[in-house]
Amino acid sequence: TETHDRRMQLMLYVSFANTAIKYA
């Protein structure tokens, strides 16, 4: 989730949450 673009970081958080749901 490391990035200088805060918007992109928010996108990465959402992507990580989506992968967590896939994992479940």
mmCIF file of all heavy atoms, coordinates in Angstrom:
data_MODEL
# 
_entry.id   MODEL 
# 
loop_
_atom_site.group_PDB 
_atom_site.id 
_atom_site.type_symbol 
_atom_site.label_atom_id 
_atom_site.label_alt_id 
_atom_site.label_comp_id 
_atom_site.label_asym_id 
_atom_site.label_entity_id 
_atom_site.label_seq_id 
_atom_site.pdbx_PDB_ins_code 
_atom_site.Cartn_x 
_atom_site.Cartn_y 
_atom_site.Cartn_z 
_atom_site.occupancy 
_atom_site.B_iso_or_equiv 
_atom_site.pdbx_formal_charge 
_atom_site.auth_seq_id 
_atom_site.auth_comp_id 
_atom_site.auth_asym_id 
_atom_site.auth_atom_id 
_atom_site.pdbx_PDB_model_num 
ATOM 1   N N   . THR A 1 1  ? 0.812   -1.226  0.000  1.00 0.00 ? 1  THR A N   1 
ATOM 2   C CA  . THR A 1 1  ? 0.000   0.000   0.000  1.00 0.00 ? 1  THR A CA  1 
ATOM 3   C C   . THR A 1 1  ? 0.836   1.264   0.000  1.00 0.00 ? 1  THR A C   1 
ATOM 4   O O   . THR A 1 1  ? 0.305   2.363   0.159  1.00 0.00 ? 1  THR A O   1 
ATOM 5   C CB  . THR A 1 1  ? -0.929  0.013   1.229  1.00 0.00 ? 1  THR A CB  1 
ATOM 6   O OG1 . THR A 1 1  ? -0.148  -0.127  2.415  1.00 0.00 ? 1  THR A OG1 1 
ATOM 7   C CG2 . THR A 1 1  ? -1.931  -1.134  1.155  1.00 0.00 ? 1  THR A CG2 1 
ATOM 8   N N   . GLU A 1 2  ? 2.149   1.131   -0.181 1.00 0.00 ? 2  GLU A N   1 
ATOM 9   C CA  . GLU A 1 2  ? 3.032   2.296   -0.144 1.00 0.00 ? 2  GLU A CA  1 
ATOM 10  C C   . GLU A 1 2  ? 3.026   3.014   -1.485 1.00 0.00 ? 2  GLU A C   1 
ATOM 11  O O   . GLU A 1 2  ? 3.279   2.425   -2.538 1.00 0.00 ? 2  GLU A O   1 
ATOM 12  C CB  . GLU A 1 2  ? 4.462   1.847   0.192  1.00 0.00 ? 2  GLU A CB  1 
ATOM 13  C CG  . GLU A 1 2  ? 5.451   3.007   0.281  1.00 0.00 ? 2  GLU A CG  1 
ATOM 14  C CD  . GLU A 1 2  ? 6.859   2.512   0.560  1.00 0.00 ? 2  GLU A CD  1 
ATOM 15  O OE1 . GLU A 1 2  ? 7.031   1.284   0.708  1.00 0.00 ? 2  GLU A OE1 1 
ATOM 16  O OE2 . GLU A 1 2  ? 7.781   3.342   0.606  1.00 0.00 ? 2  GLU A OE2 1 
ATOM 17  N N   . THR A 1 3  ? 2.699   4.307   -1.468 1.00 0.00 ? 3  THR A N   1 
ATOM 18  C CA  . THR A 1 3  ? 2.703   5.127   -2.677 1.00 0.00 ? 3  THR A CA  1 
ATOM 19  C C   . THR A 1 3  ? 2.673   6.601   -2.276 1.00 0.00 ? 3  THR A C   1 
ATOM 20  O O   . THR A 1 3  ? 2.179   6.954   -1.198 1.00 0.00 ? 3  THR A O   1 
ATOM 21  C CB  . THR A 1 3  ? 1.493   4.807   -3.583 1.00 0.00 ? 3  THR A CB  1 
ATOM 22  O OG1 . THR A 1 3  ? 1.539   5.653   -4.738 1.00 0.00 ? 3  THR A OG1 1 
ATOM 23  C CG2 . THR A 1 3  ? 0.186   5.026   -2.854 1.00 0.00 ? 3  THR A CG2 1 
ATOM 24  N N   . HIS A 1 4  ? 3.181   7.458   -3.158 1.00 0.00 ? 4  HIS A N   1 
ATOM 25  C CA  . HIS A 1 4  ? 3.173   8.899   -2.883 1.00 0.00 ? 4  HIS A CA  1 
ATOM 26  C C   . HIS A 1 4  ? 1.831   9.521   -3.248 1.00 0.00 ? 4  HIS A C   1 
ATOM 27  O O   . HIS A 1 4  ? 1.513   10.615  -2.766 1.00 0.00 ? 4  HIS A O   1 
ATOM 28  C CB  . HIS A 1 4  ? 4.302   9.584   -3.677 1.00 0.00 ? 4  HIS A CB  1 
ATOM 29  C CG  . HIS A 1 4  ? 5.666   9.102   -3.288 1.00 0.00 ? 4  HIS A CG  1 
ATOM 30  N ND1 . HIS A 1 4  ? 6.215   9.335   -2.039 1.00 0.00 ? 4  HIS A ND1 1 
ATOM 31  C CD2 . HIS A 1 4  ? 6.592   8.377   -3.986 1.00 0.00 ? 4  HIS A CD2 1 
ATOM 32  C CE1 . HIS A 1 4  ? 7.422   8.801   -1.977 1.00 0.00 ? 4  HIS A CE1 1 
ATOM 33  N NE2 . HIS A 1 4  ? 7.679   8.209   -3.144 1.00 0.00 ? 4  HIS A NE2 1 
ATOM 34  N N   . ASP A 1 5  ? 1.078   8.869   -4.106 1.00 0.00 ? 5  ASP A N   1 
ATOM 35  C CA  . ASP A 1 5  ? -0.237  9.368   -4.511 1.00 0.00 ? 5  ASP A CA  1 
ATOM 36  C C   . ASP A 1 5  ? -1.287  8.862   -3.518 1.00 0.00 ? 5  ASP A C   1 
ATOM 37  O O   . ASP A 1 5  ? -1.551  7.666   -3.436 1.00 0.00 ? 5  ASP A O   1 
ATOM 38  C CB  . ASP A 1 5  ? -0.567  8.875   -5.933 1.00 0.00 ? 5  ASP A CB  1 
ATOM 39  C CG  . ASP A 1 5  ? -1.825  9.536   -6.475 1.00 0.00 ? 5  ASP A CG  1 
ATOM 40  O OD1 . ASP A 1 5  ? -2.578  10.153  -5.685 1.00 0.00 ? 5  ASP A OD1 1 
ATOM 41  O OD2 . ASP A 1 5  ? -2.055  9.421   -7.695 1.00 0.00 ? 5  ASP A OD2 1 
ATOM 42  N N   . ARG A 1 6  ? -1.883  9.783   -2.749 1.00 0.00 ? 6  ARG A N   1 
ATOM 43  C CA  . ARG A 1 6  ? -2.842  9.373   -1.728 1.00 0.00 ? 6  ARG A CA  1 
ATOM 44  C C   . ARG A 1 6  ? -4.088  8.754   -2.337 1.00 0.00 ? 6  ARG A C   1 
ATOM 45  O O   . ARG A 1 6  ? -4.716  7.876   -1.748 1.00 0.00 ? 6  ARG A O   1 
ATOM 46  C CB  . ARG A 1 6  ? -3.222  10.576  -0.848 1.00 0.00 ? 6  ARG A CB  1 
ATOM 47  C CG  . ARG A 1 6  ? -2.093  11.051  0.058  1.00 0.00 ? 6  ARG A CG  1 
ATOM 48  C CD  . ARG A 1 6  ? -2.502  12.308  0.805  1.00 0.00 ? 6  ARG A CD  1 
ATOM 49  N NE  . ARG A 1 6  ? -1.436  12.733  1.713  1.00 0.00 ? 6  ARG A NE  1 
ATOM 50  C CZ  . ARG A 1 6  ? -1.392  12.433  3.004  1.00 0.00 ? 6  ARG A CZ  1 
ATOM 51  N NH1 . ARG A 1 6  ? -2.341  11.701  3.538  1.00 0.00 ? 6  ARG A NH1 1 
ATOM 52  N NH2 . ARG A 1 6  ? -0.406  12.871  3.755  1.00 0.00 ? 6  ARG A NH2 1 
ATOM 53  N N   . ARG A 1 7  ? -4.500  9.244   -3.516 1.00 0.00 ? 7  ARG A N   1 
ATOM 54  C CA  . ARG A 1 7  ? -5.665  8.649   -4.186 1.00 0.00 ? 7  ARG A CA  1 
ATOM 55  C C   . ARG A 1 7  ? -5.382  7.196   -4.572 1.00 0.00 ? 7  ARG A C   1 
ATOM 56  O O   . ARG A 1 7  ? -6.215  6.320   -4.391 1.00 0.00 ? 7  ARG A O   1 
ATOM 57  C CB  . ARG A 1 7  ? -6.020  9.458   -5.433 1.00 0.00 ? 7  ARG A CB  1 
ATOM 58  C CG  . ARG A 1 7  ? -6.593  10.832  -5.139 1.00 0.00 ? 7  ARG A CG  1 
ATOM 59  C CD  . ARG A 1 7  ? -6.872  11.549  -6.454 1.00 0.00 ? 7  ARG A CD  1 
ATOM 60  N NE  . ARG A 1 7  ? -7.487  12.842  -6.234 1.00 0.00 ? 7  ARG A NE  1 
ATOM 61  C CZ  . ARG A 1 7  ? -7.735  13.714  -7.202 1.00 0.00 ? 7  ARG A CZ  1 
ATOM 62  N NH1 . ARG A 1 7  ? -7.404  13.420  -8.440 1.00 0.00 ? 7  ARG A NH1 1 
ATOM 63  N NH2 . ARG A 1 7  ? -8.304  14.861  -6.929 1.00 0.00 ? 7  ARG A NH2 1 
ATOM 64  N N   . MET A 1 8  ? -4.194  6.998   -5.121 1.00 0.00 ? 8  MET A N   1 
ATOM 65  C CA  . MET A 1 8  ? -3.807  5.646   -5.499 1.00 0.00 ? 8  MET A CA  1 
ATOM 66  C C   . MET A 1 8  ? -3.721  4.745   -4.271 1.00 0.00 ? 8  MET A C   1 
ATOM 67  O O   . MET A 1 8  ? -4.064  3.554   -4.332 1.00 0.00 ? 8  MET A O   1 
ATOM 68  C CB  . MET A 1 8  ? -2.459  5.672   -6.227 1.00 0.00 ? 8  MET A CB  1 
ATOM 69  C CG  . MET A 1 8  ? -2.065  4.331   -6.841 1.00 0.00 ? 8  MET A CG  1 
ATOM 70  S SD  . MET A 1 8  ? -3.236  3.816   -8.116 1.00 0.00 ? 8  MET A SD  1 
ATOM 71  C CE  . MET A 1 8  ? -2.629  2.159   -8.451 1.00 0.00 ? 8  MET A CE  1 
ATOM 72  N N   . GLN A 1 9  ? -3.310  5.309   -3.145 1.00 0.00 ? 9  GLN A N   1 
ATOM 73  C CA  . GLN A 1 9  ? -3.232  4.520   -1.922 1.00 0.00 ? 9  GLN A CA  1 
ATOM 74  C C   . GLN A 1 9  ? -4.615  4.071   -1.476 1.00 0.00 ? 9  GLN A C   1 
ATOM 75  O O   . GLN A 1 9  ? -4.794  2.932   -1.030 1.00 0.00 ? 9  GLN A O   1 
ATOM 76  C CB  . GLN A 1 9  ? -2.574  5.339   -0.817 1.00 0.00 ? 9  GLN A CB  1 
ATOM 77  C CG  . GLN A 1 9  ? -2.255  4.519   0.429  1.00 0.00 ? 9  GLN A CG  1 
ATOM 78  C CD  . GLN A 1 9  ? -1.478  5.316   1.452  1.00 0.00 ? 9  GLN A CD  1 
ATOM 79  O OE1 . GLN A 1 9  ? -1.808  6.472   1.716  1.00 0.00 ? 9  GLN A OE1 1 
ATOM 80  N NE2 . GLN A 1 9  ? -0.434  4.710   2.009  1.00 0.00 ? 9  GLN A NE2 1 
ATOM 81  N N   . LEU A 1 10 ? -5.601  4.939   -1.633 1.00 0.00 ? 10 LEU A N   1 
ATOM 82  C CA  . LEU A 1 10 ? -6.968  4.572   -1.297 1.00 0.00 ? 10 LEU A CA  1 
ATOM 83  C C   . LEU A 1 10 ? -7.454  3.452   -2.209 1.00 0.00 ? 10 LEU A C   1 
ATOM 84  O O   . LEU A 1 10 ? -8.144  2.514   -1.776 1.00 0.00 ? 10 LEU A O   1 
ATOM 85  C CB  . LEU A 1 10 ? -7.873  5.801   -1.421 1.00 0.00 ? 10 LEU A CB  1 
ATOM 86  C CG  . LEU A 1 10 ? -9.242  5.732   -0.739 1.00 0.00 ? 10 LEU A CG  1 
ATOM 87  C CD1 . LEU A 1 10 ? -9.106  5.425   0.739  1.00 0.00 ? 10 LEU A CD1 1 
ATOM 88  C CD2 . LEU A 1 10 ? -10.000 7.041   -0.948 1.00 0.00 ? 10 LEU A CD2 1 
ATOM 89  N N   . MET A 1 11 ? -7.074  3.534   -3.488 1.00 0.00 ? 11 MET A N   1 
ATOM 90  C CA  . MET A 1 11 ? -7.420  2.461   -4.430 1.00 0.00 ? 11 MET A CA  1 
ATOM 91  C C   . MET A 1 11 ? -6.770  1.138   -4.013 1.00 0.00 ? 11 MET A C   1 
ATOM 92  O O   . MET A 1 11 ? -7.371  0.075   -4.114 1.00 0.00 ? 11 MET A O   1 
ATOM 93  C CB  . MET A 1 11 ? -6.961  2.837   -5.837 1.00 0.00 ? 11 MET A CB  1 
ATOM 94  C CG  . MET A 1 11 ? -7.776  3.926   -6.500 1.00 0.00 ? 11 MET A CG  1 
ATOM 95  S SD  . MET A 1 11 ? -9.376  3.330   -7.070 1.00 0.00 ? 11 MET A SD  1 
ATOM 96  C CE  . MET A 1 11 ? -8.867  2.191   -8.326 1.00 0.00 ? 11 MET A CE  1 
ATOM 97  N N   . LEU A 1 12 ? -5.534  1.213   -3.547 1.00 0.00 ? 12 LEU A N   1 
ATOM 98  C CA  . LEU A 1 12 ? -4.832  0.001   -3.120 1.00 0.00 ? 12 LEU A CA  1 
ATOM 99  C C   . LEU A 1 12 ? -5.495  -0.617  -1.889 1.00 0.00 ? 12 LEU A C   1 
ATOM 100 O O   . LEU A 1 12 ? -5.579  -1.843  -1.772 1.00 0.00 ? 12 LEU A O   1 
ATOM 101 C CB  . LEU A 1 12 ? -3.361  0.329   -2.827 1.00 0.00 ? 12 LEU A CB  1 
ATOM 102 C CG  . LEU A 1 12 ? -2.500  0.709   -4.037 1.00 0.00 ? 12 LEU A CG  1 
ATOM 103 C CD1 . LEU A 1 12 ? -1.129  1.190   -3.590 1.00 0.00 ? 12 LEU A CD1 1 
ATOM 104 C CD2 . LEU A 1 12 ? -2.371  -0.464  -4.999 1.00 0.00 ? 12 LEU A CD2 1 
ATOM 105 N N   . TYR A 1 13 ? -5.971  0.231   -0.975 1.00 0.00 ? 13 TYR A N   1 
ATOM 106 C CA  . TYR A 1 13 ? -6.685  -0.282  0.197  1.00 0.00 ? 13 TYR A CA  1 
ATOM 107 C C   . TYR A 1 13 ? -7.964  -1.019  -0.219 1.00 0.00 ? 13 TYR A C   1 
ATOM 108 O O   . TYR A 1 13 ? -8.268  -2.103  0.286  1.00 0.00 ? 13 TYR A O   1 
ATOM 109 C CB  . TYR A 1 13 ? -7.041  0.868   1.145  1.00 0.00 ? 13 TYR A CB  1 
ATOM 110 C CG  . TYR A 1 13 ? -5.896  1.375   1.975  1.00 0.00 ? 13 TYR A CG  1 
ATOM 111 C CD1 . TYR A 1 13 ? -5.734  2.734   2.225  1.00 0.00 ? 13 TYR A CD1 1 
ATOM 112 C CD2 . TYR A 1 13 ? -4.960  0.498   2.530  1.00 0.00 ? 13 TYR A CD2 1 
ATOM 113 C CE1 . TYR A 1 13 ? -4.673  3.213   2.989  1.00 0.00 ? 13 TYR A CE1 1 
ATOM 114 C CE2 . TYR A 1 13 ? -3.901  0.964   3.288  1.00 0.00 ? 13 TYR A CE2 1 
ATOM 115 C CZ  . TYR A 1 13 ? -3.758  2.319   3.512  1.00 0.00 ? 13 TYR A CZ  1 
ATOM 116 O OH  . TYR A 1 13 ? -2.711  2.778   4.263  1.00 0.00 ? 13 TYR A OH  1 
ATOM 117 N N   . VAL A 1 14 ? -8.699  -0.420  -1.158 1.00 0.00 ? 14 VAL A N   1 
ATOM 118 C CA  . VAL A 1 14 ? -9.940  -1.051  -1.633 1.00 0.00 ? 14 VAL A CA  1 
ATOM 119 C C   . VAL A 1 14 ? -9.625  -2.358  -2.352 1.00 0.00 ? 14 VAL A C   1 
ATOM 120 O O   . VAL A 1 14 ? -10.324 -3.364  -2.194 1.00 0.00 ? 14 VAL A O   1 
ATOM 121 C CB  . VAL A 1 14 ? -10.708 -0.080  -2.559 1.00 0.00 ? 14 VAL A CB  1 
ATOM 122 C CG1 . VAL A 1 14 ? -11.916 -0.771  -3.175 1.00 0.00 ? 14 VAL A CG1 1 
ATOM 123 C CG2 . VAL A 1 14 ? -11.163 1.150   -1.795 1.00 0.00 ? 14 VAL A CG2 1 
ATOM 124 N N   . SER A 1 15 ? -8.556  -2.366  -3.156 1.00 0.00 ? 15 SER A N   1 
ATOM 125 C CA  . SER A 1 15 ? -8.151  -3.588  -3.850 1.00 0.00 ? 15 SER A CA  1 
ATOM 126 C C   . SER A 1 15 ? -7.770  -4.688  -2.862 1.00 0.00 ? 15 SER A C   1 
ATOM 127 O O   . SER A 1 15 ? -8.100  -5.869  -3.062 1.00 0.00 ? 15 SER A O   1 
ATOM 128 C CB  . SER A 1 15 ? -6.974  -3.282  -4.785 1.00 0.00 ? 15 SER A CB  1 
ATOM 129 O OG  . SER A 1 15 ? -6.495  -4.455  -5.395 1.00 0.00 ? 15 SER A OG  1 
ATOM 130 N N   . PHE A 1 16 ? -7.071  -4.298  -1.789 1.00 0.00 ? 16 PHE A N   1 
ATOM 131 C CA  . PHE A 1 16 ? -6.685  -5.274  -0.767 1.00 0.00 ? 16 PHE A CA  1 
ATOM 132 C C   . PHE A 1 16 ? -7.928  -5.848  -0.084 1.00 0.00 ? 16 PHE A C   1 
ATOM 133 O O   . PHE A 1 16 ? -8.005  -7.055  0.188  1.00 0.00 ? 16 PHE A O   1 
ATOM 134 C CB  . PHE A 1 16 ? -5.775  -4.606  0.265  1.00 0.00 ? 16 PHE A CB  1 
ATOM 135 C CG  . PHE A 1 16 ? -5.119  -5.571  1.215  1.00 0.00 ? 16 PHE A CG  1 
ATOM 136 C CD1 . PHE A 1 16 ? -3.925  -6.191  0.881  1.00 0.00 ? 16 PHE A CD1 1 
ATOM 137 C CD2 . PHE A 1 16 ? -5.711  -5.876  2.430  1.00 0.00 ? 16 PHE A CD2 1 
ATOM 138 C CE1 . PHE A 1 16 ? -3.322  -7.086  1.741  1.00 0.00 ? 16 PHE A CE1 1 
ATOM 139 C CE2 . PHE A 1 16 ? -5.115  -6.770  3.310  1.00 0.00 ? 16 PHE A CE2 1 
ATOM 140 C CZ  . PHE A 1 16 ? -3.918  -7.381  2.962  1.00 0.00 ? 16 PHE A CZ  1 
ATOM 141 N N   . ALA A 1 17 ? -8.918  -4.987  0.190  1.00 0.00 ? 17 ALA A N   1 
ATOM 142 C CA  . ALA A 1 17 ? -10.172 -5.461  0.799  1.00 0.00 ? 17 ALA A CA  1 
ATOM 143 C C   . ALA A 1 17 ? -10.908 -6.417  -0.133 1.00 0.00 ? 17 ALA A C   1 
ATOM 144 O O   . ALA A 1 17 ? -11.471 -7.433  0.303  1.00 0.00 ? 17 ALA A O   1 
ATOM 145 C CB  . ALA A 1 17 ? -11.059 -4.270  1.138  1.00 0.00 ? 17 ALA A CB  1 
ATOM 146 N N   . ASN A 1 18 ? -10.869 -6.121  -1.430 1.00 0.00 ? 18 ASN A N   1 
ATOM 147 C CA  . ASN A 1 18 ? -11.520 -7.005  -2.404 1.00 0.00 ? 18 ASN A CA  1 
ATOM 148 C C   . ASN A 1 18 ? -10.855 -8.373  -2.426 1.00 0.00 ? 18 ASN A C   1 
ATOM 149 O O   . ASN A 1 18 ? -11.521 -9.414  -2.467 1.00 0.00 ? 18 ASN A O   1 
ATOM 150 C CB  . ASN A 1 18 ? -11.455 -6.361  -3.793 1.00 0.00 ? 18 ASN A CB  1 
ATOM 151 C CG  . ASN A 1 18 ? -12.206 -7.161  -4.835 1.00 0.00 ? 18 ASN A CG  1 
ATOM 152 O OD1 . ASN A 1 18 ? -13.174 -7.846  -4.524 1.00 0.00 ? 18 ASN A OD1 1 
ATOM 153 N ND2 . ASN A 1 18 ? -11.764 -7.078  -6.071 1.00 0.00 ? 18 ASN A ND2 1 
ATOM 154 N N   . THR A 1 19 ? -9.528  -8.387  -2.385 1.00 0.00 ? 19 THR A N   1 
ATOM 155 C CA  . THR A 1 19 ? -8.802  -9.658  -2.359 1.00 0.00 ? 19 THR A CA  1 
ATOM 156 C C   . THR A 1 19 ? -9.072  -10.418 -1.061 1.00 0.00 ? 19 THR A C   1 
ATOM 157 O O   . THR A 1 19 ? -9.140  -11.655 -1.063 1.00 0.00 ? 19 THR A O   1 
ATOM 158 C CB  . THR A 1 19 ? -7.296  -9.404  -2.516 1.00 0.00 ? 19 THR A CB  1 
ATOM 159 O OG1 . THR A 1 19 ? -7.061  -8.646  -3.703 1.00 0.00 ? 19 THR A OG1 1 
ATOM 160 C CG2 . THR A 1 19 ? -6.529  -10.717 -2.613 1.00 0.00 ? 19 THR A CG2 1 
ATOM 161 N N   . ALA A 1 20 ? -9.260  -9.692  0.034  1.00 0.00 ? 20 ALA A N   1 
ATOM 162 C CA  . ALA A 1 20 ? -9.586  -10.341 1.303  1.00 0.00 ? 20 ALA A CA  1 
ATOM 163 C C   . ALA A 1 20 ? -10.937 -11.050 1.228  1.00 0.00 ? 20 ALA A C   1 
ATOM 164 O O   . ALA A 1 20 ? -11.105 -12.157 1.774  1.00 0.00 ? 20 ALA A O   1 
ATOM 165 C CB  . ALA A 1 20 ? -9.597  -9.304  2.431  1.00 0.00 ? 20 ALA A CB  1 
ATOM 166 N N   . ILE A 1 21 ? -11.898 -10.444 0.519  1.00 0.00 ? 21 ILE A N   1 
ATOM 167 C CA  . ILE A 1 21 ? -13.201 -11.096 0.346  1.00 0.00 ? 21 ILE A CA  1 
ATOM 168 C C   . ILE A 1 21 ? -13.061 -12.335 -0.538 1.00 0.00 ? 21 ILE A C   1 
ATOM 169 O O   . ILE A 1 21 ? -13.673 -13.375 -0.283 1.00 0.00 ? 21 ILE A O   1 
ATOM 170 C CB  . ILE A 1 21 ? -14.217 -10.105 -0.251 1.00 0.00 ? 21 ILE A CB  1 
ATOM 171 C CG1 . ILE A 1 21 ? -14.524 -9.001  0.767  1.00 0.00 ? 21 ILE A CG1 1 
ATOM 172 C CG2 . ILE A 1 21 ? -15.502 -10.810 -0.655 1.00 0.00 ? 21 ILE A CG2 1 
ATOM 173 C CD1 . ILE A 1 21 ? -15.436 -7.925  0.248  1.00 0.00 ? 21 ILE A CD1 1 
ATOM 174 N N   . LYS A 1 22 ? -12.241 -12.232 -1.580 1.00 0.00 ? 22 LYS A N   1 
ATOM 175 C CA  . LYS A 1 22 ? -11.973 -13.408 -2.417 1.00 0.00 ? 22 LYS A CA  1 
ATOM 176 C C   . LYS A 1 22 ? -11.337 -14.518 -1.581 1.00 0.00 ? 22 LYS A C   1 
ATOM 177 O O   . LYS A 1 22 ? -11.666 -15.702 -1.747 1.00 0.00 ? 22 LYS A O   1 
ATOM 178 C CB  . LYS A 1 22 ? -11.037 -13.042 -3.570 1.00 0.00 ? 22 LYS A CB  1 
ATOM 179 C CG  . LYS A 1 22 ? -11.643 -12.148 -4.630 1.00 0.00 ? 22 LYS A CG  1 
ATOM 180 C CD  . LYS A 1 22 ? -10.601 -11.835 -5.698 1.00 0.00 ? 22 LYS A CD  1 
ATOM 181 C CE  . LYS A 1 22 ? -11.119 -10.846 -6.715 1.00 0.00 ? 22 LYS A CE  1 
ATOM 182 N NZ  . LYS A 1 22 ? -10.081 -10.463 -7.695 1.00 0.00 ? 22 LYS A NZ  1 
ATOM 183 N N   . TYR A 1 23 ? -10.433 -14.124 -0.700 1.00 0.00 ? 23 TYR A N   1 
ATOM 184 C CA  . TYR A 1 23 ? -9.766  -15.094 0.164  1.00 0.00 ? 23 TYR A CA  1 
ATOM 185 C C   . TYR A 1 23 ? -10.788 -15.811 1.054  1.00 0.00 ? 23 TYR A C   1 
ATOM 186 O O   . TYR A 1 23 ? -10.741 -17.042 1.204  1.00 0.00 ? 23 TYR A O   1 
ATOM 187 C CB  . TYR A 1 23 ? -8.720  -14.365 1.009  1.00 0.00 ? 23 TYR A CB  1 
ATOM 188 C CG  . TYR A 1 23 ? -8.141  -15.178 2.148  1.00 0.00 ? 23 TYR A CG  1 
ATOM 189 C CD1 . TYR A 1 23 ? -7.220  -16.193 1.899  1.00 0.00 ? 23 TYR A CD1 1 
ATOM 190 C CD2 . TYR A 1 23 ? -8.519  -14.936 3.471  1.00 0.00 ? 23 TYR A CD2 1 
ATOM 191 C CE1 . TYR A 1 23 ? -6.685  -16.940 2.933  1.00 0.00 ? 23 TYR A CE1 1 
ATOM 192 C CE2 . TYR A 1 23 ? -7.989  -15.677 4.508  1.00 0.00 ? 23 TYR A CE2 1 
ATOM 193 C CZ  . TYR A 1 23 ? -7.079  -16.680 4.242  1.00 0.00 ? 23 TYR A CZ  1 
ATOM 194 O OH  . TYR A 1 23 ? -6.559  -17.431 5.266  1.00 0.00 ? 23 TYR A OH  1 
ATOM 195 N N   . ALA A 1 24 ? -11.711 -15.050 1.654  1.00 0.00 ? 24 ALA A N   1 
ATOM 196 C CA  . ALA A 1 24 ? -12.754 -15.661 2.487  1.00 0.00 ? 24 ALA A CA  1 
ATOM 197 C C   . ALA A 1 24 ? -13.640 -16.583 1.651  1.00 0.00 ? 24 ALA A C   1 
ATOM 198 O O   . ALA A 1 24 ? -14.038 -17.666 2.110  1.00 0.00 ? 24 ALA A O   1 
ATOM 199 C CB  . ALA A 1 24 ? -13.591 -14.567 3.155  1.00 0.00 ? 24 ALA A CB  1 
# 
